[in-house]
PDB file of N, CA and C in Angstrom:
ATOM      1  N   UNK A   1     -93.308  61.507  48.214  1.00  0.00           N
ATOM      2  CA  UNK A   1     -94.360  62.552  47.729  1.00  0.00           C
ATOM      3  C   UNK A   1     -94.453  63.595  48.782  1.00  0.00           C
ATOM      4  N   UNK A   2     -94.380  63.281  50.086  1.00  0.00           N
ATOM      5  CA  UNK A   2     -94.735  64.257  50.949  1.00  0.00           C
ATOM      6  C   UNK A   2     -93.524  65.403  50.737  1.00  0.00           C
ATOM      7  N   UNK A   3     -92.462  64.883  50.621  1.00  0.00           N
ATOM      8  CA  UNK A   3     -91.161  65.983  50.391  1.00  0.00           C
ATOM      9  C   UNK A   3     -91.300  66.834  49.328  1.00  0.00           C
ATOM     10  N   UNK A   4     -91.888  65.963  48.121  1.00  0.00           N
ATOM     11  CA  UNK A   4     -92.192  67.032  47.049  1.00  0.00           C
ATOM     12  C   UNK A   4     -93.048  68.320  47.362  1.00  0.00           C
ATOM     13  N   UNK A   5     -94.082  67.865  48.016  1.00  0.00           N
ATOM     14  CA  UNK A   5     -95.246  69.037  48.220  1.00  0.00           C
ATOM     15  C   UNK A   5     -94.656  70.002  49.349  1.00  0.00           C
ATOM     16  N   UNK A   6     -94.029  69.470  50.371  1.00  0.00           N
ATOM     17  CA  UNK A   6     -93.322  70.349  50.851  1.00  0.00           C
ATOM     18  C   UNK A   6     -92.335  71.410  50.374  1.00  0.00           C
ATOM     19  N   UNK A   7     -91.515  70.907  49.598  1.00  0.00           N
ATOM     20  CA  UNK A   7     -90.371  71.951  48.690  1.00  0.00           C
ATOM     21  C   UNK A   7     -91.535  72.838  47.855  1.00  0.00           C
ATOM     22  N   UNK A   8     -92.271  72.300  47.515  1.00  0.00           N
ATOM     23  CA  UNK A   8     -93.249  73.260  46.335  1.00  0.00           C
ATOM     24  C   UNK A   8     -93.878  74.211  47.511  1.00  0.00           C
ATOM     25  N   UNK A   9     -94.301  73.909  48.641  1.00  0.00           N
ATOM     26  CA  UNK A   9     -95.207  74.865  49.508  1.00  0.00           C
ATOM     27  C   UNK A   9     -93.895  75.902  49.852  1.00  0.00           C
ATOM     28  N   UNK A  10     -92.735  75.321  50.263  1.00  0.00           N
ATOM     29  CA  UNK A  10     -91.758  76.400  50.775  1.00  0.00           C
ATOM     30  C   UNK A  10     -91.142  77.127  49.730  1.00  0.00           C
ATOM     31  N   UNK A  11     -91.031  76.847  48.427  1.00  0.00           N
ATOM     32  CA  UNK A  11     -90.640  77.643  47.308  1.00  0.00           C
ATOM     33  C   UNK A  11     -91.664  78.633  47.223  1.00  0.00           C
ATOM     34  N   UNK A  12     -93.221  78.330  47.032  1.00  0.00           N
ATOM     35  CA  UNK A  12     -94.133  79.124  46.840  1.00  0.00           C
ATOM     36  C   UNK A  12     -94.059  80.264  47.731  1.00  0.00           C
ATOM     37  N   UNK A  13     -93.972  79.795  49.108  1.00  0.00           N
ATOM     38  CA  UNK A  13     -93.648  80.875  50.323  1.00  0.00           C
ATOM     39  C   UNK A  13     -92.538  82.141  50.221  1.00  0.00           C
ATOM     40  N   UNK A  14     -91.566  81.312  49.426  1.00  0.00           N
ATOM     41  CA  UNK A  14     -90.394  82.315  49.414  1.00  0.00           C
ATOM     42  C   UNK A  14     -90.856  83.241  48.333  1.00  0.00           C
ATOM     43  N   UNK A  15     -91.394  82.837  47.265  1.00  0.00           N
ATOM     44  CA  UNK A  15     -91.639  83.548  45.871  1.00  0.00           C
ATOM     45  C   UNK A  15     -92.555  84.699  46.401  1.00  0.00           C
ATOM     46  N   UNK A  16     -93.618  84.272  47.198  1.00  0.00           N
ATOM     47  CA  UNK A  16     -94.839  85.284  47.488  1.00  0.00           C
ATOM     48  C   UNK A  16     -93.810  86.233  48.483  1.00  0.00           C
ATOM     49  N   UNK A  17     -93.179  85.666  49.497  1.00  0.00           N
ATOM     50  CA  UNK A  17     -92.502  86.705  50.373  1.00  0.00           C
ATOM     51  C   UNK A  17     -91.512  87.883  49.512  1.00  0.00           C
ATOM     52  N   UNK A  18     -90.745  87.385  48.614  1.00  0.00           N
ATOM     53  CA  UNK A  18     -89.896  88.140  47.691  1.00  0.00           C
ATOM     54  C   UNK A  18     -90.873  89.399  46.705  1.00  0.00           C
ATOM     55  N   UNK A  19     -91.987  88.681  46.373  1.00  0.00           N
ATOM     56  CA  UNK A  19     -92.782  89.733  45.802  1.00  0.00           C
ATOM     57  C   UNK A  19     -93.180  90.686  46.676  1.00  0.00           C
ATOM     58  N   UNK A  20     -93.804  90.559  47.673  1.00  0.00           N
ATOM     59  CA  UNK A  20     -94.193  91.607  48.991  1.00  0.00           C
ATOM     60  C   UNK A  20     -93.198  92.352  49.208  1.00  0.00           C
ATOM     61  N   UNK A  21     -92.087  91.888  49.377  1.00  0.00           N
ATOM     62  CA  UNK A  21     -91.062  92.630  49.762  1.00  0.00           C
ATOM     63  C   UNK A  21     -90.577  93.506  48.626  1.00  0.00           C
ATOM     64  N   UNK A  22     -90.420  93.172  47.538  1.00  0.00           N
ATOM     65  CA  UNK A  22     -90.012  94.030  46.379  1.00  0.00           C
ATOM     66  C   UNK A  22     -91.025  95.115  46.084  1.00  0.00           C
ATOM     67  N   UNK A  23     -92.338  94.678  46.341  1.00  0.00           N
ATOM     68  CA  UNK A  23     -93.265  95.625  45.913  1.00  0.00           C
ATOM     69  C   UNK A  23     -93.433  96.715  47.006  1.00  0.00           C
ATOM     70  N   UNK A  24     -93.168  96.449  48.283  1.00  0.00           N
ATOM     71  CA  UNK A  24     -93.275  97.442  49.382  1.00  0.00           C
ATOM     72  C   UNK A  24     -92.086  98.337  49.353  1.00  0.00           C
ATOM     73  N   UNK A  25     -90.764  97.565  49.211  1.00  0.00           N
ATOM     74  CA  UNK A  25     -89.749  98.049  49.616  1.00  0.00           C
ATOM     75  C   UNK A  25     -89.108  99.110  48.336  1.00  0.00           C
ATOM     76  N   UNK A  26     -89.483  98.640  47.262  1.00  0.00           N
ATOM     77  CA  UNK A  26     -88.970  99.675  46.174  1.00  0.00           C
ATOM     78  C   UNK A  26     -89.526 101.303  45.866  1.00  0.00           C
ATOM     79  N   UNK A  27     -90.701 101.161  46.268  1.00  0.00           N
ATOM     80  CA  UNK A  27     -91.570 102.426  46.313  1.00  0.00           C
ATOM     81  C   UNK A  27     -91.464 103.342  47.295  1.00  0.00           C
ATOM     82  N   UNK A  28     -90.183 103.757  47.837  1.00  0.00           N
ATOM     83  CA  UNK A  28     -89.941 104.534  48.735  1.00  0.00           C
ATOM     84  C   UNK A  28     -90.068 106.116  48.399  1.00  0.00           C
ATOM     85  N   UNK A  29     -89.937 106.424  47.210  1.00  0.00           N
ATOM     86  CA  UNK A  29     -90.236 107.963  46.782  1.00  0.00           C
ATOM     87  C   UNK A  29     -91.162 107.866  45.663  1.00  0.00           C
ATOM     88  N   UNK A  30     -92.553 108.869  45.891  1.00  0.00           N
ATOM     89  CA  UNK A  30     -93.455 109.073  44.877  1.00  0.00           C
ATOM     90  C   UNK A  30     -93.204 110.424  44.280  1.00  0.00           C
ATOM     91  N   UNK A  31     -93.518 110.548  42.889  1.00  0.00           N
ATOM     92  CA  UNK A  31     -93.289 111.566  42.235  1.00  0.00           C
ATOM     93  C   UNK A  31     -94.488 111.800  41.372  1.00  0.00           C
ATOM     94  N   UNK A  32     -94.939 112.983  41.090  1.00  0.00           N
ATOM     95  CA  UNK A  32     -95.915 113.285  40.017  1.00  0.00           C
ATOM     96  C   UNK A  32     -95.228 114.136  39.038  1.00  0.00           C
ATOM     97  N   UNK A  33     -95.640 113.911  37.726  1.00  0.00           N
ATOM     98  CA  UNK A  33     -95.377 114.640  36.778  1.00  0.00           C
ATOM     99  C   UNK A  33     -96.387 115.170  35.784  1.00  0.00           C
ATOM    100  N   UNK A  34     -96.399 116.026  35.035  1.00  0.00           N
ATOM    101  CA  UNK A  34     -97.387 116.487  34.093  1.00  0.00           C
ATOM    102  C   UNK A  34     -96.526 116.810  32.781  1.00  0.00           C
ATOM    103  N   UNK A  35     -96.934 115.919  31.845  1.00  0.00           N
ATOM    104  CA  UNK A  35     -96.325 116.185  30.564  1.00  0.00           C
ATOM    105  C   UNK A  35     -97.299 116.594  29.438  1.00  0.00           C
ATOM    106  N   UNK A  36     -96.745 117.491  28.568  1.00  0.00           N
ATOM    107  CA  UNK A  36     -97.346 118.134  27.338  1.00  0.00           C
ATOM    108  C   UNK A  36     -96.893 117.789  26.284  1.00  0.00           C
ATOM    109  N   UNK A  37     -97.623 117.091  25.019  1.00  0.00           N
ATOM    110  CA  UNK A  37     -97.083 116.815  23.974  1.00  0.00           C
ATOM    111  C   UNK A  37     -98.139 116.699  22.788  1.00  0.00           C
ATOM    112  N   UNK A  38     -97.652 117.437  21.992  1.00  0.00           N
ATOM    113  CA  UNK A  38     -98.746 117.768  20.567  1.00  0.00           C
ATOM    114  C   UNK A  38    -100.195 118.197  21.053  1.00  0.00           C
ATOM    115  N   UNK A  39    -100.093 119.192  22.088  1.00  0.00           N
ATOM    116  CA  UNK A  39    -101.325 119.563  22.615  1.00  0.00           C
ATOM    117  C   UNK A  39    -102.298 118.756  23.282  1.00  0.00           C
ATOM    118  N   UNK A  40    -101.810 117.665  23.924  1.00  0.00           N
ATOM    119  CA  UNK A  40    -102.250 116.864  24.903  1.00  0.00           C
ATOM    120  C   UNK A  40    -101.464 116.926  26.096  1.00  0.00           C
ATOM    121  N   UNK A  41    -102.121 116.827  27.275  1.00  0.00           N
ATOM    122  CA  UNK A  41    -101.458 116.982  28.560  1.00  0.00           C
ATOM    123  C   UNK A  41    -101.840 115.570  29.469  1.00  0.00           C
ATOM    124  N   UNK A  42    -100.835 115.105  30.103  1.00  0.00           N
ATOM    125  CA  UNK A  42    -101.104 113.784  31.058  1.00  0.00           C
ATOM    126  C   UNK A  42    -100.214 113.987  32.178  1.00  0.00           C
ATOM    127  N   UNK A  43    -100.827 113.678  33.372  1.00  0.00           N
ATOM    128  CA  UNK A  43    -100.470 113.622  34.679  1.00  0.00           C
ATOM    129  C   UNK A  43    -100.484 112.424  35.164  1.00  0.00           C
ATOM    130  N   UNK A  44     -99.149 111.999  35.798  1.00  0.00           N
ATOM    131  CA  UNK A  44     -99.034 110.598  36.429  1.00  0.00           C
ATOM    132  C   UNK A  44     -98.048 110.581  37.489  1.00  0.00           C
ATOM    133  N   UNK A  45     -98.541 109.772  38.698  1.00  0.00           N
ATOM    134  CA  UNK A  45     -97.804 109.432  39.680  1.00  0.00           C
ATOM    135  C   UNK A  45     -96.917 108.021  39.569  1.00  0.00           C
ATOM    136  N   UNK A  46     -95.644 108.298  40.154  1.00  0.00           N
ATOM    137  CA  UNK A  46     -94.974 106.720  40.122  1.00  0.00           C
ATOM    138  C   UNK A  46     -94.147 106.490  41.197  1.00  0.00           C
ATOM    139  N   UNK A  47     -93.717 105.543  41.794  1.00  0.00           N
ATOM    140  CA  UNK A  47     -92.857 105.323  42.835  1.00  0.00           C
ATOM    141  C   UNK A  47     -91.533 104.626  42.414  1.00  0.00           C
ATOM    142  N   UNK A  48     -90.436 104.778  43.491  1.00  0.00           N
ATOM    143  CA  UNK A  48     -89.324 104.053  42.971  1.00  0.00           C
ATOM    144  C   UNK A  48     -88.519 104.347  44.119  1.00  0.00           C
ATOM    145  N   UNK A  49     -87.254 103.735  44.096  1.00  0.00           N
ATOM    146  CA  UNK A  49     -86.302 103.818  45.084  1.00  0.00           C
ATOM    147  C   UNK A  49     -85.699 104.956  45.257  1.00  0.00           C
ATOM    148  N   UNK A  50     -85.370 105.672  44.002  1.00  0.00           N
ATOM    149  CA  UNK A  50     -84.918 107.053  44.391  1.00  0.00           C
ATOM    150  C   UNK A  50     -85.882 108.171  43.627  1.00  0.00           C
ATOM    151  N   UNK A  51     -85.497 109.405  43.954  1.00  0.00           N
ATOM    152  CA  UNK A  51     -86.319 110.291  43.055  1.00  0.00           C
ATOM    153  C   UNK A  51     -86.294 110.383  41.919  1.00  0.00           C
ATOM    154  N   UNK A  52     -85.115 110.277  41.207  1.00  0.00           N
ATOM    155  CA  UNK A  52     -84.806 110.040  39.693  1.00  0.00           C
ATOM    156  C   UNK A  52     -85.701 108.835  39.193  1.00  0.00           C
ATOM    157  N   UNK A  53     -85.467 107.641  39.759  1.00  0.00           N
ATOM    158  CA  UNK A  53     -86.240 106.617  39.365  1.00  0.00           C
ATOM    159  C   UNK A  53     -87.837 106.810  39.052  1.00  0.00           C
ATOM    160  N   UNK A  54     -88.026 107.251  40.200  1.00  0.00           N
ATOM    161  CA  UNK A  54     -89.650 107.748  40.346  1.00  0.00           C
ATOM    162  C   UNK A  54     -89.985 108.650  39.382  1.00  0.00           C
ATOM    163  N   UNK A  55     -89.227 109.657  39.331  1.00  0.00           N
ATOM    164  CA  UNK A  55     -89.507 110.804  38.062  1.00  0.00           C
ATOM    165  C   UNK A  55     -89.554 110.246  36.799  1.00  0.00           C
ATOM    166  N   UNK A  56     -88.600 109.453  36.512  1.00  0.00           N
ATOM    167  CA  UNK A  56     -88.507 108.652  35.248  1.00  0.00           C
ATOM    168  C   UNK A  56     -89.728 107.741  34.815  1.00  0.00           C
ATOM    169  N   UNK A  57     -90.263 107.314  35.948  1.00  0.00           N
ATOM    170  CA  UNK A  57     -91.207 106.233  35.497  1.00  0.00           C
ATOM    171  C   UNK A  57     -92.422 107.217  35.504  1.00  0.00           C
ATOM    172  N   UNK A  58     -92.695 108.113  36.024  1.00  0.00           N
ATOM    173  CA  UNK A  58     -93.876 109.062  35.881  1.00  0.00           C
ATOM    174  C   UNK A  58     -93.897 109.674  34.596  1.00  0.00           C
ATOM    175  N   UNK A  59     -92.719 109.916  33.993  1.00  0.00           N
ATOM    176  CA  UNK A  59     -92.470 110.953  32.828  1.00  0.00           C
ATOM    177  C   UNK A  59     -92.890 109.720  31.704  1.00  0.00           C
ATOM    178  N   UNK A  60     -92.378 108.493  31.972  1.00  0.00           N
ATOM    179  CA  UNK A  60     -92.705 107.437  30.745  1.00  0.00           C
ATOM    180  C   UNK A  60     -94.054 107.015  30.987  1.00  0.00           C
ATOM    181  N   UNK A  61     -94.776 107.116  32.020  1.00  0.00           N
ATOM    182  CA  UNK A  61     -96.104 106.656  32.111  1.00  0.00           C
ATOM    183  C   UNK A  61     -97.045 108.000  31.493  1.00  0.00           C
ATOM    184  N   UNK A  62     -96.759 109.037  31.855  1.00  0.00           N
ATOM    185  CA  UNK A  62     -97.466 110.135  31.265  1.00  0.00           C
ATOM    186  C   UNK A  62     -97.247 110.397  29.742  1.00  0.00           C
ATOM    187  N   UNK A  63     -96.114 109.952  29.214  1.00  0.00           N
ATOM    188  CA  UNK A  63     -95.951 110.200  27.786  1.00  0.00           C
ATOM    189  C   UNK A  63     -96.631 108.970  26.995  1.00  0.00           C
ATOM    190  N   UNK A  64     -96.767 107.607  27.707  1.00  0.00           N
ATOM    191  CA  UNK A  64     -97.427 106.603  27.163  1.00  0.00           C
ATOM    192  C   UNK A  64     -98.817 106.780  26.874  1.00  0.00           C
ATOM    193  N   UNK A  65     -99.303 107.679  27.321  1.00  0.00           N
ATOM    194  CA  UNK A  65    -100.867 108.092  27.331  1.00  0.00           C
ATOM    195  C   UNK A  65    -101.064 109.240  26.147  1.00  0.00           C
ATOM    196  N   UNK A  66     -99.916 109.955  25.965  1.00  0.00           N
ATOM    197  CA  UNK A  66    -100.256 111.007  25.016  1.00  0.00           C
ATOM    198  C   UNK A  66     -99.649 111.070  23.793  1.00  0.00           C
ATOM    199  N   UNK A  67     -98.772 109.895  23.528  1.00  0.00           N
ATOM    200  CA  UNK A  67     -97.743 109.820  22.427  1.00  0.00           C
ATOM    201  C   UNK A  67     -98.358 108.750  21.699  1.00  0.00           C
ATOM    202  N   UNK A  68     -97.878 108.383  20.455  1.00  0.00           N
ATOM    203  CA  UNK A  68     -98.294 107.194  19.631  1.00  0.00           C
ATOM    204  C   UNK A  68     -97.245 106.655  18.967  1.00  0.00           C
ATOM    205  N   UNK A  69     -96.487 105.575  19.145  1.00  0.00           N
ATOM    206  CA  UNK A  69     -95.413 105.175  18.389  1.00  0.00           C
ATOM    207  C   UNK A  69     -94.178 105.398  19.154  1.00  0.00           C
ATOM    208  N   UNK A  70     -93.050 104.726  18.819  1.00  0.00           N
ATOM    209  CA  UNK A  70     -91.752 104.733  19.604  1.00  0.00           C
ATOM    210  C   UNK A  70     -91.131 106.014  19.339  1.00  0.00           C
ATOM    211  N   UNK A  71     -91.226 106.805  18.104  1.00  0.00           N
ATOM    212  CA  UNK A  71     -90.553 108.097  17.931  1.00  0.00           C
ATOM    213  C   UNK A  71     -91.198 109.084  18.507  1.00  0.00           C
ATOM    214  N   UNK A  72     -92.655 109.179  18.662  1.00  0.00           N
ATOM    215  CA  UNK A  72     -93.395 110.145  19.384  1.00  0.00           C
ATOM    216  C   UNK A  72     -92.978 109.851  20.993  1.00  0.00           C
ATOM    217  N   UNK A  73     -92.945 108.642  21.582  1.00  0.00           N
ATOM    218  CA  UNK A  73     -92.668 108.262  23.092  1.00  0.00           C
ATOM    219  C   UNK A  73     -91.591 108.992  23.201  1.00  0.00           C
ATOM    220  N   UNK A  74     -90.441 108.758  22.507  1.00  0.00           N
ATOM    221  CA  UNK A  74     -89.071 109.391  22.850  1.00  0.00           C
ATOM    222  C   UNK A  74     -89.239 110.887  22.851  1.00  0.00           C
ATOM    223  N   UNK A  75     -89.706 111.215  21.817  1.00  0.00           N
ATOM    224  CA  UNK A  75     -89.764 112.850  21.701  1.00  0.00           C
ATOM    225  C   UNK A  75     -90.495 113.383  23.118  1.00  0.00           C
ATOM    226  N   UNK A  76     -91.476 113.016  23.486  1.00  0.00           N
ATOM    227  CA  UNK A  76     -92.465 113.432  24.450  1.00  0.00           C
ATOM    228  C   UNK A  76     -91.321 113.196  25.786  1.00  0.00           C
ATOM    229  N   UNK A  77     -90.700 111.840  26.239  1.00  0.00           N
ATOM    230  CA  UNK A  77     -89.952 111.822  27.244  1.00  0.00           C
ATOM    231  C   UNK A  77     -88.674 112.703  27.246  1.00  0.00           C
ATOM    232  N   UNK A  78     -88.435 113.239  26.085  1.00  0.00           N
ATOM    233  CA  UNK A  78     -86.894 114.263  26.068  1.00  0.00           C
ATOM    234  C   UNK A  78     -87.626 115.747  26.467  1.00  0.00           C
ATOM    235  N   UNK A  79     -88.826 115.850  26.502  1.00  0.00           N
ATOM    236  CA  UNK A  79     -89.156 117.209  26.854  1.00  0.00           C
ATOM    237  C   UNK A  79     -89.177 117.645  28.390  1.00  0.00           C
ATOM    238  N   UNK A  80     -89.018 118.717  28.656  1.00  0.00           N
ATOM    239  CA  UNK A  80     -89.249 118.856  30.044  1.00  0.00           C
ATOM    240  C   UNK A  80     -90.758 118.919  30.787  1.00  0.00           C
ATOM    241  N   UNK A  81     -90.919 118.356  31.743  1.00  0.00           N
ATOM    242  CA  UNK A  81     -92.139 118.365  32.435  1.00  0.00           C
ATOM    243  C   UNK A  81     -92.810 119.911  32.425  1.00  0.00           C
ATOM    244  N   UNK A  82     -94.230 119.600  32.188  1.00  0.00           N
ATOM    245  CA  UNK A  82     -94.936 121.191  32.347  1.00  0.00           C
ATOM    246  C   UNK A  82     -94.977 121.376  33.944  1.00  0.00           C
ATOM    247  N   UNK A  83     -95.145 120.401  34.888  1.00  0.00           N
ATOM    248  CA  UNK A  83     -95.154 120.268  35.963  1.00  0.00           C
ATOM    249  C   UNK A  83     -94.878 119.163  36.846  1.00  0.00           C
ATOM    250  N   UNK A  84     -93.958 119.414  38.038  1.00  0.00           N
ATOM    251  CA  UNK A  84     -93.398 118.131  38.764  1.00  0.00           C
ATOM    252  C   UNK A  84     -93.264 118.448  40.078  1.00  0.00           C
ATOM    253  N   UNK A  85     -93.684 117.440  40.761  1.00  0.00           N
ATOM    254  CA  UNK A  85     -93.583 117.348  42.475  1.00  0.00           C
ATOM    255  C   UNK A  85     -93.137 116.231  42.997  1.00  0.00           C
ATOM    256  N   UNK A  86     -92.437 116.126  44.134  1.00  0.00           N
ATOM    257  CA  UNK A  86     -92.148 115.122  44.924  1.00  0.00           C
ATOM    258  C   UNK A  86     -93.277 114.804  45.863  1.00  0.00           C
ATOM    259  N   UNK A  87     -93.904 113.674  46.052  1.00  0.00           N
ATOM    260  CA  UNK A  87     -94.941 113.640  46.999  1.00  0.00           C
ATOM    261  C   UNK A  87     -94.285 113.087  48.296  1.00  0.00           C
ATOM    262  N   UNK A  88     -94.802 113.251  49.411  1.00  0.00           N
ATOM    263  CA  UNK A  88     -94.327 112.661  50.709  1.00  0.00           C
ATOM    264  C   UNK A  88     -94.980 111.506  50.748  1.00  0.00           C
TER     265      UNK A  88
END
């Protein structure tokens, strides 16, 4: 019984360590993007491993707030940002 508890505790510690590492390690780059779609504007900041991943995440997040439905979301994501900048 003690061994089972030890293995469960060890597995939980490894899992928590992986979550903390992935959360802190992946957001090396922060990027802010402002998108405009159908007269609405949304600005969002996102982080990622690379500039392109952070930029893409910011675009997706901004478009999610100002578009409705899959078609509108894709149309919004394919437009160029109104404003964008890499944050330190």
